[in-house]
Amino acid sequence: MQSWLLWLTIAAVLGIAELLTATLDLLLLAVAALAAAAIAALGLSVGLQLLAFAVTAAAMITLVRPVARRNLNSHPQLRTGVAALIGREAVVLSPVGREPGRVRIGGEEWSARSYDPDVLIPTGTTVDVFAIEGATALVHPREDPWPN
């Protein structure tokens, strides 16, 4: 059997095993086996084929694997429900302090308390939603922008 055909078979077996396990590591080794198959197709020695496999495998695992894993595991965080309200802007409808008042968050009225119980927030103030506890929004007045 020609050595390039053997390397191609190894690459195919690793590729099929990757499809069954979805680990990404076997795919990188399959690519290294393809590199060795290319060296074998050129008619170079078995030692150079093994060297090509080892160097390519090492490069794929040390350089490609971390980047691929980071991109495969990272996904945009989609906040839904009450978690989507945190960080939103609201307008105070009735005074909010230690005792609950009312705020409008994106068209909906919510009961609200001041995040800092010592702060009384008057009607009409724009606030940020810091947290949601049950059906009550914890809000804090927006800070004034820095002067120019």
N, C-alpha and C. Protein backbone atom coordinates (compact mmCIF):
# COMPACT_ATOMS: atom_id res chain seq x y z
N MET A 1 0.85 -1.18 0.00
CA MET A 1 0.00 0.00 0.00
C MET A 1 0.89 1.24 0.00
N GLN A 2 0.54 2.20 -0.80
CA GLN A 2 1.32 3.42 -0.86
C GLN A 2 1.10 4.23 0.40
N SER A 3 2.16 4.92 0.85
CA SER A 3 2.07 5.62 2.13
C SER A 3 1.09 6.79 2.10
N TRP A 4 0.94 7.47 0.97
CA TRP A 4 -0.01 8.59 0.93
C TRP A 4 -1.43 8.09 1.11
N LEU A 5 -1.71 6.87 0.60
CA LEU A 5 -3.02 6.28 0.76
C LEU A 5 -3.28 5.90 2.22
N LEU A 6 -2.24 5.45 2.90
CA LEU A 6 -2.35 5.12 4.32
C LEU A 6 -2.65 6.39 5.13
N TRP A 7 -1.92 7.48 4.85
CA TRP A 7 -2.17 8.74 5.55
C TRP A 7 -3.58 9.27 5.25
N LEU A 8 -4.04 9.09 4.03
CA LEU A 8 -5.37 9.53 3.66
C LEU A 8 -6.43 8.71 4.41
N THR A 9 -6.17 7.44 4.59
CA THR A 9 -7.08 6.58 5.36
C THR A 9 -7.10 7.01 6.82
N ILE A 10 -5.94 7.32 7.37
CA ILE A 10 -5.86 7.79 8.76
C ILE A 10 -6.65 9.09 8.90
N ALA A 11 -6.50 10.00 7.94
CA ALA A 11 -7.22 11.27 7.99
C ALA A 11 -8.73 11.03 7.92
N ALA A 12 -9.16 10.09 7.09
CA ALA A 12 -10.59 9.80 6.98
C ALA A 12 -11.13 9.20 8.27
N VAL A 13 -10.39 8.27 8.87
CA VAL A 13 -10.82 7.66 10.13
C VAL A 13 -10.91 8.73 11.22
N LEU A 14 -9.91 9.60 11.30
CA LEU A 14 -9.96 10.68 12.29
C LEU A 14 -11.12 11.63 12.02
N GLY A 15 -11.40 11.91 10.75
CA GLY A 15 -12.52 12.78 10.41
C GLY A 15 -13.86 12.17 10.80
N ILE A 16 -14.02 10.87 10.58
CA ILE A 16 -15.25 10.20 10.97
C ILE A 16 -15.38 10.16 12.49
N ALA A 17 -14.27 9.88 13.16
CA ALA A 17 -14.30 9.88 14.63
C ALA A 17 -14.65 11.27 15.16
N GLU A 18 -14.19 12.32 14.48
CA GLU A 18 -14.53 13.69 14.89
C GLU A 18 -16.03 13.93 14.76
N LEU A 19 -16.61 13.43 13.69
CA LEU A 19 -18.06 13.59 13.51
C LEU A 19 -18.84 12.91 14.63
N LEU A 20 -18.31 11.81 15.14
CA LEU A 20 -18.99 11.09 16.21
C LEU A 20 -18.79 11.71 17.58
N THR A 21 -17.65 12.37 17.79
CA THR A 21 -17.34 12.90 19.12
C THR A 21 -17.49 14.41 19.22
N ALA A 22 -17.30 15.13 18.12
CA ALA A 22 -17.38 16.60 18.09
C ALA A 22 -16.49 17.25 19.14
N THR A 23 -15.22 16.81 19.18
CA THR A 23 -14.28 17.37 20.15
C THR A 23 -13.36 18.42 19.54
N LEU A 24 -13.28 18.49 18.22
CA LEU A 24 -12.41 19.38 17.46
C LEU A 24 -10.97 18.89 17.41
N ASP A 25 -10.52 18.17 18.41
CA ASP A 25 -9.13 17.70 18.46
C ASP A 25 -8.84 16.70 17.36
N LEU A 26 -9.76 15.79 17.13
CA LEU A 26 -9.53 14.77 16.10
C LEU A 26 -9.52 15.39 14.70
N LEU A 27 -10.27 16.45 14.51
CA LEU A 27 -10.25 17.14 13.22
C LEU A 27 -8.88 17.76 12.97
N LEU A 28 -8.30 18.34 14.00
CA LEU A 28 -6.96 18.92 13.86
C LEU A 28 -5.93 17.86 13.52
N LEU A 29 -6.05 16.68 14.12
CA LEU A 29 -5.15 15.58 13.80
C LEU A 29 -5.39 15.06 12.39
N ALA A 30 -6.63 15.08 11.93
CA ALA A 30 -6.94 14.68 10.56
C ALA A 30 -6.27 15.62 9.57
N VAL A 31 -6.25 16.92 9.88
CA VAL A 31 -5.57 17.88 9.01
C VAL A 31 -4.07 17.59 8.99
N ALA A 32 -3.51 17.22 10.13
CA ALA A 32 -2.09 16.87 10.18
C ALA A 32 -1.83 15.62 9.35
N ALA A 33 -2.74 14.66 9.37
CA ALA A 33 -2.59 13.46 8.55
C ALA A 33 -2.67 13.80 7.07
N LEU A 34 -3.48 14.78 6.71
CA LEU A 34 -3.54 15.23 5.32
C LEU A 34 -2.22 15.88 4.89
N ALA A 35 -1.61 16.62 5.81
CA ALA A 35 -0.30 17.21 5.51
C ALA A 35 0.74 16.11 5.28
N ALA A 36 0.71 15.09 6.09
CA ALA A 36 1.63 13.96 5.91
C ALA A 36 1.34 13.24 4.60
N ALA A 37 0.06 13.13 4.22
CA ALA A 37 -0.30 12.50 2.95
C ALA A 37 0.25 13.31 1.78
N ALA A 38 0.23 14.63 1.89
CA ALA A 38 0.78 15.48 0.83
C ALA A 38 2.29 15.26 0.70
N ILE A 39 2.98 15.14 1.83
CA ILE A 39 4.43 14.88 1.80
C ILE A 39 4.70 13.51 1.19
N ALA A 40 3.87 12.54 1.53
CA ALA A 40 4.03 11.19 0.98
C ALA A 40 3.76 11.19 -0.52
N ALA A 41 2.78 11.97 -0.97
CA ALA A 41 2.47 12.04 -2.40
C ALA A 41 3.62 12.63 -3.20
N LEU A 42 4.43 13.46 -2.54
CA LEU A 42 5.61 14.02 -3.21
C LEU A 42 6.74 13.00 -3.29
N GLY A 43 6.56 11.86 -2.63
CA GLY A 43 7.56 10.80 -2.69
C GLY A 43 8.67 10.96 -1.67
N LEU A 44 8.46 11.76 -0.64
CA LEU A 44 9.49 11.96 0.38
C LEU A 44 9.46 10.81 1.39
N SER A 45 10.50 10.71 2.20
CA SER A 45 10.67 9.57 3.10
C SER A 45 9.64 9.53 4.22
N VAL A 46 9.54 8.35 4.85
CA VAL A 46 8.62 8.16 5.96
C VAL A 46 8.99 9.06 7.14
N GLY A 47 10.28 9.29 7.34
CA GLY A 47 10.72 10.18 8.42
C GLY A 47 10.19 11.60 8.22
N LEU A 48 10.24 12.08 6.98
CA LEU A 48 9.71 13.42 6.70
C LEU A 48 8.18 13.45 6.81
N GLN A 49 7.54 12.35 6.48
CA GLN A 49 6.08 12.27 6.62
C GLN A 49 5.70 12.36 8.10
N LEU A 50 6.41 11.62 8.94
CA LEU A 50 6.14 11.67 10.38
C LEU A 50 6.45 13.05 10.94
N LEU A 51 7.53 13.67 10.46
CA LEU A 51 7.88 15.02 10.91
C LEU A 51 6.79 16.02 10.50
N ALA A 52 6.29 15.90 9.27
CA ALA A 52 5.23 16.79 8.80
C ALA A 52 3.97 16.60 9.64
N PHE A 53 3.65 15.34 9.96
CA PHE A 53 2.48 15.06 10.80
C PHE A 53 2.66 15.69 12.18
N ALA A 54 3.83 15.48 12.80
CA ALA A 54 4.07 15.98 14.16
C ALA A 54 4.06 17.50 14.20
N VAL A 55 4.73 18.13 13.25
CA VAL A 55 4.81 19.61 13.24
C VAL A 55 3.42 20.21 12.98
N THR A 56 2.71 19.65 12.03
CA THR A 56 1.38 20.17 11.72
C THR A 56 0.43 19.95 12.89
N ALA A 57 0.48 18.78 13.51
CA ALA A 57 -0.39 18.50 14.66
C ALA A 57 -0.08 19.45 15.81
N ALA A 58 1.21 19.66 16.08
CA ALA A 58 1.60 20.57 17.17
C ALA A 58 1.14 22.00 16.86
N ALA A 59 1.32 22.42 15.63
CA ALA A 59 0.90 23.78 15.26
C ALA A 59 -0.62 23.93 15.35
N MET A 60 -1.34 22.94 14.88
CA MET A 60 -2.81 23.02 14.93
C MET A 60 -3.31 23.04 16.37
N ILE A 61 -2.72 22.21 17.22
CA ILE A 61 -3.21 22.13 18.60
C ILE A 61 -2.82 23.36 19.41
N THR A 62 -1.63 23.92 19.16
CA THR A 62 -1.20 25.08 19.95
C THR A 62 -1.71 26.41 19.39
N LEU A 63 -1.90 26.50 18.07
CA LEU A 63 -2.31 27.78 17.48
C LEU A 63 -3.79 27.84 17.13
N VAL A 64 -4.30 26.81 16.49
CA VAL A 64 -5.67 26.85 15.99
C VAL A 64 -6.68 26.49 17.08
N ARG A 65 -6.36 25.49 17.89
CA ARG A 65 -7.32 24.99 18.88
C ARG A 65 -7.81 26.06 19.86
N PRO A 66 -6.92 26.88 20.47
CA PRO A 66 -7.43 27.89 21.41
C PRO A 66 -8.36 28.91 20.74
N VAL A 67 -8.02 29.32 19.53
CA VAL A 67 -8.87 30.30 18.83
C VAL A 67 -10.21 29.68 18.47
N ALA A 68 -10.17 28.46 17.97
CA ALA A 68 -11.42 27.79 17.58
C ALA A 68 -12.30 27.53 18.80
N ARG A 69 -11.73 27.09 19.89
CA ARG A 69 -12.52 26.83 21.11
C ARG A 69 -13.16 28.11 21.63
N ARG A 70 -12.38 29.20 21.61
CA ARG A 70 -12.91 30.48 22.09
C ARG A 70 -14.10 30.91 21.23
N ASN A 71 -13.99 30.74 19.92
CA ASN A 71 -15.07 31.16 19.03
C ASN A 71 -16.26 30.21 19.08
N LEU A 72 -16.01 28.93 19.33
CA LEU A 72 -17.11 27.98 19.42
C LEU A 72 -17.88 28.14 20.72
N ASN A 73 -17.19 28.47 21.80
CA ASN A 73 -17.83 28.56 23.11
C ASN A 73 -18.42 29.92 23.40
N SER A 74 -18.01 30.94 22.68
CA SER A 74 -18.56 32.27 22.95
C SER A 74 -19.78 32.50 22.07
N HIS A 75 -20.83 32.98 22.66
CA HIS A 75 -22.04 33.30 21.94
C HIS A 75 -22.63 34.55 22.59
N PRO A 76 -23.33 35.33 21.81
CA PRO A 76 -23.89 36.55 22.38
C PRO A 76 -24.89 36.21 23.49
N GLN A 77 -24.79 36.95 24.56
CA GLN A 77 -25.68 36.70 25.68
C GLN A 77 -27.01 37.37 25.39
N LEU A 78 -28.05 36.58 25.34
CA LEU A 78 -29.39 37.08 25.08
C LEU A 78 -30.14 37.12 26.39
N ARG A 79 -30.44 38.33 26.84
CA ARG A 79 -31.18 38.48 28.10
C ARG A 79 -32.66 38.58 27.77
N THR A 80 -33.44 37.80 28.49
CA THR A 80 -34.89 37.82 28.28
C THR A 80 -35.59 37.99 29.62
N GLY A 81 -36.88 38.24 29.57
CA GLY A 81 -37.66 38.39 30.79
C GLY A 81 -37.20 39.59 31.60
N VAL A 82 -37.23 39.45 32.93
CA VAL A 82 -36.86 40.56 33.80
C VAL A 82 -35.38 40.86 33.71
N ALA A 83 -34.55 39.89 33.33
CA ALA A 83 -33.11 40.14 33.19
C ALA A 83 -32.84 41.18 32.10
N ALA A 84 -33.72 41.26 31.09
CA ALA A 84 -33.55 42.24 30.02
C ALA A 84 -33.84 43.66 30.50
N LEU A 85 -34.51 43.81 31.64
CA LEU A 85 -34.83 45.15 32.15
C LEU A 85 -33.66 45.79 32.88
N ILE A 86 -32.74 44.98 33.38
CA ILE A 86 -31.60 45.52 34.13
C ILE A 86 -30.73 46.34 33.19
N GLY A 87 -30.45 47.56 33.62
CA GLY A 87 -29.66 48.48 32.81
C GLY A 87 -30.50 49.40 31.94
N ARG A 88 -31.79 49.16 31.89
CA ARG A 88 -32.66 50.01 31.07
C ARG A 88 -32.94 51.33 31.77
N GLU A 89 -33.41 52.28 31.00
CA GLU A 89 -33.79 53.59 31.51
C GLU A 89 -35.27 53.56 31.90
N ALA A 90 -35.62 54.27 32.95
CA ALA A 90 -37.01 54.36 33.40
C ALA A 90 -37.30 55.79 33.83
N VAL A 91 -38.58 56.12 33.90
CA VAL A 91 -39.01 57.44 34.35
C VAL A 91 -39.88 57.24 35.59
N VAL A 92 -39.61 58.04 36.62
CA VAL A 92 -40.35 57.91 37.88
C VAL A 92 -41.73 58.55 37.71
N LEU A 93 -42.79 57.78 38.03
CA LEU A 93 -44.17 58.26 37.93
C LEU A 93 -44.68 58.75 39.28
N SER A 94 -44.25 58.11 40.36
CA SER A 94 -44.57 58.58 41.71
C SER A 94 -43.31 58.41 42.54
N PRO A 95 -43.09 59.29 43.53
CA PRO A 95 -41.82 59.31 44.25
C PRO A 95 -41.37 57.92 44.73
N VAL A 96 -40.09 57.66 44.55
CA VAL A 96 -39.49 56.37 44.88
C VAL A 96 -38.43 56.60 45.95
N GLY A 97 -38.49 55.82 46.99
CA GLY A 97 -37.49 55.89 48.05
C GLY A 97 -37.45 54.56 48.77
N ARG A 98 -37.39 54.64 50.09
CA ARG A 98 -37.42 53.41 50.90
C ARG A 98 -38.76 52.70 50.68
N GLU A 99 -39.84 53.51 50.56
CA GLU A 99 -41.17 52.96 50.29
C GLU A 99 -41.36 52.91 48.77
N PRO A 100 -42.04 51.88 48.29
CA PRO A 100 -42.20 51.73 46.83
C PRO A 100 -42.98 52.86 46.19
N GLY A 101 -42.56 53.19 44.98
CA GLY A 101 -43.27 54.12 44.12
C GLY A 101 -43.51 53.43 42.79
N ARG A 102 -43.72 54.21 41.73
CA ARG A 102 -44.00 53.64 40.41
C ARG A 102 -43.03 54.24 39.40
N VAL A 103 -42.60 53.39 38.44
CA VAL A 103 -41.76 53.85 37.34
C VAL A 103 -42.31 53.27 36.04
N ARG A 104 -41.97 53.93 34.94
CA ARG A 104 -42.33 53.42 33.61
C ARG A 104 -41.04 52.95 32.95
N ILE A 105 -41.02 51.64 32.66
CA ILE A 105 -39.87 51.04 31.98
C ILE A 105 -40.35 50.59 30.60
N GLY A 106 -39.94 51.34 29.59
CA GLY A 106 -40.30 50.97 28.22
C GLY A 106 -41.78 50.78 27.98
N GLY A 107 -42.63 51.62 28.52
CA GLY A 107 -44.06 51.54 28.29
C GLY A 107 -44.83 50.74 29.32
N GLU A 108 -44.14 50.06 30.23
CA GLU A 108 -44.82 49.30 31.28
C GLU A 108 -44.61 49.97 32.62
N GLU A 109 -45.65 49.95 33.44
CA GLU A 109 -45.52 50.50 34.80
C GLU A 109 -45.07 49.40 35.74
N TRP A 110 -44.09 49.74 36.58
CA TRP A 110 -43.55 48.81 37.57
C TRP A 110 -43.53 49.47 38.93
N SER A 111 -43.71 48.66 39.97
CA SER A 111 -43.44 49.19 41.30
C SER A 111 -41.92 49.27 41.42
N ALA A 112 -41.46 50.26 42.20
CA ALA A 112 -40.01 50.47 42.29
C ALA A 112 -39.63 50.98 43.66
N ARG A 113 -38.43 50.61 44.07
CA ARG A 113 -37.80 51.15 45.28
C ARG A 113 -36.45 51.72 44.87
N SER A 114 -35.98 52.63 45.69
CA SER A 114 -34.66 53.19 45.45
C SER A 114 -33.60 52.16 45.81
N TYR A 115 -32.60 52.01 44.96
CA TYR A 115 -31.51 51.07 45.22
C TYR A 115 -30.79 51.46 46.50
N ASP A 116 -30.64 52.78 46.70
CA ASP A 116 -30.08 53.31 47.95
C ASP A 116 -31.26 53.78 48.79
N PRO A 117 -31.57 53.09 49.90
CA PRO A 117 -32.79 53.42 50.66
C PRO A 117 -32.80 54.83 51.23
N ASP A 118 -31.66 55.49 51.30
CA ASP A 118 -31.60 56.85 51.85
C ASP A 118 -31.89 57.92 50.80
N VAL A 119 -32.07 57.53 49.55
CA VAL A 119 -32.30 58.49 48.47
C VAL A 119 -33.79 58.49 48.11
N LEU A 120 -34.38 59.70 48.07
CA LEU A 120 -35.77 59.86 47.62
C LEU A 120 -35.72 60.44 46.22
N ILE A 121 -36.31 59.72 45.27
CA ILE A 121 -36.26 60.14 43.86
C ILE A 121 -37.62 60.74 43.50
N PRO A 122 -37.62 62.03 43.08
CA PRO A 122 -38.90 62.70 42.78
C PRO A 122 -39.49 62.27 41.43
N THR A 123 -40.77 62.58 41.27
CA THR A 123 -41.50 62.29 40.03
C THR A 123 -40.82 62.99 38.85
N GLY A 124 -40.78 62.30 37.70
CA GLY A 124 -40.21 62.87 36.48
C GLY A 124 -38.72 62.63 36.31
N THR A 125 -38.06 62.08 37.32
CA THR A 125 -36.62 61.83 37.24
C THR A 125 -36.34 60.61 36.36
N THR A 126 -35.31 60.71 35.55
CA THR A 126 -34.86 59.57 34.76
C THR A 126 -33.93 58.74 35.62
N VAL A 127 -34.21 57.44 35.67
CA VAL A 127 -33.43 56.54 36.53
C VAL A 127 -32.95 55.34 35.69
N ASP A 128 -31.98 54.62 36.24
CA ASP A 128 -31.51 53.36 35.67
C ASP A 128 -32.01 52.23 36.54
N VAL A 129 -32.40 51.13 35.90
CA VAL A 129 -32.83 49.94 36.63
C VAL A 129 -31.58 49.15 37.00
N PHE A 130 -31.33 49.00 38.30
CA PHE A 130 -30.15 48.28 38.78
C PHE A 130 -30.43 46.80 39.00
N ALA A 131 -31.65 46.46 39.42
CA ALA A 131 -31.98 45.07 39.71
C ALA A 131 -33.49 44.93 39.73
N ILE A 132 -33.94 43.67 39.69
CA ILE A 132 -35.36 43.36 39.82
C ILE A 132 -35.49 42.36 40.97
N GLU A 133 -36.31 42.70 41.95
CA GLU A 133 -36.60 41.79 43.06
C GLU A 133 -38.08 41.49 43.03
N GLY A 134 -38.43 40.28 42.61
CA GLY A 134 -39.84 39.93 42.46
C GLY A 134 -40.45 40.76 41.36
N ALA A 135 -41.44 41.59 41.71
CA ALA A 135 -42.08 42.47 40.73
C ALA A 135 -41.73 43.92 41.01
N THR A 136 -40.62 44.15 41.73
CA THR A 136 -40.20 45.51 42.09
C THR A 136 -38.83 45.80 41.47
N ALA A 137 -38.77 46.93 40.79
CA ALA A 137 -37.50 47.36 40.20
C ALA A 137 -36.73 48.19 41.22
N LEU A 138 -35.44 47.90 41.34
CA LEU A 138 -34.57 48.72 42.18
C LEU A 138 -33.88 49.70 41.26
N VAL A 139 -34.11 51.00 41.50
CA VAL A 139 -33.64 52.03 40.58
C VAL A 139 -32.74 53.03 41.29
N HIS A 140 -31.97 53.74 40.47
CA HIS A 140 -31.08 54.77 40.99
C HIS A 140 -31.08 55.91 39.98
N PRO A 141 -31.07 57.17 40.47
CA PRO A 141 -31.09 58.30 39.53
C PRO A 141 -29.86 58.28 38.61
N ARG A 142 -30.07 58.73 37.41
CA ARG A 142 -28.97 58.82 36.44
C ARG A 142 -27.99 59.88 36.93
N GLU A 143 -26.72 59.60 36.71
CA GLU A 143 -25.68 60.56 37.09
C GLU A 143 -25.61 61.66 36.04
N ASP A 144 -25.24 62.86 36.46
CA ASP A 144 -25.07 63.96 35.52
C ASP A 144 -23.82 63.67 34.70
N PRO A 145 -23.85 64.03 33.40
CA PRO A 145 -22.67 63.81 32.58
C PRO A 145 -21.52 64.70 33.05
N TRP A 146 -20.31 64.27 32.75
CA TRP A 146 -19.12 65.06 33.14
C TRP A 146 -19.14 66.40 32.43
N PRO A 147 -18.77 67.48 33.13
CA PRO A 147 -18.72 68.78 32.46
C PRO A 147 -17.57 68.82 31.46
N ASN A 148 -17.77 69.62 30.41
CA ASN A 148 -16.72 69.74 29.37
C ASN A 148 -15.58 70.57 29.80
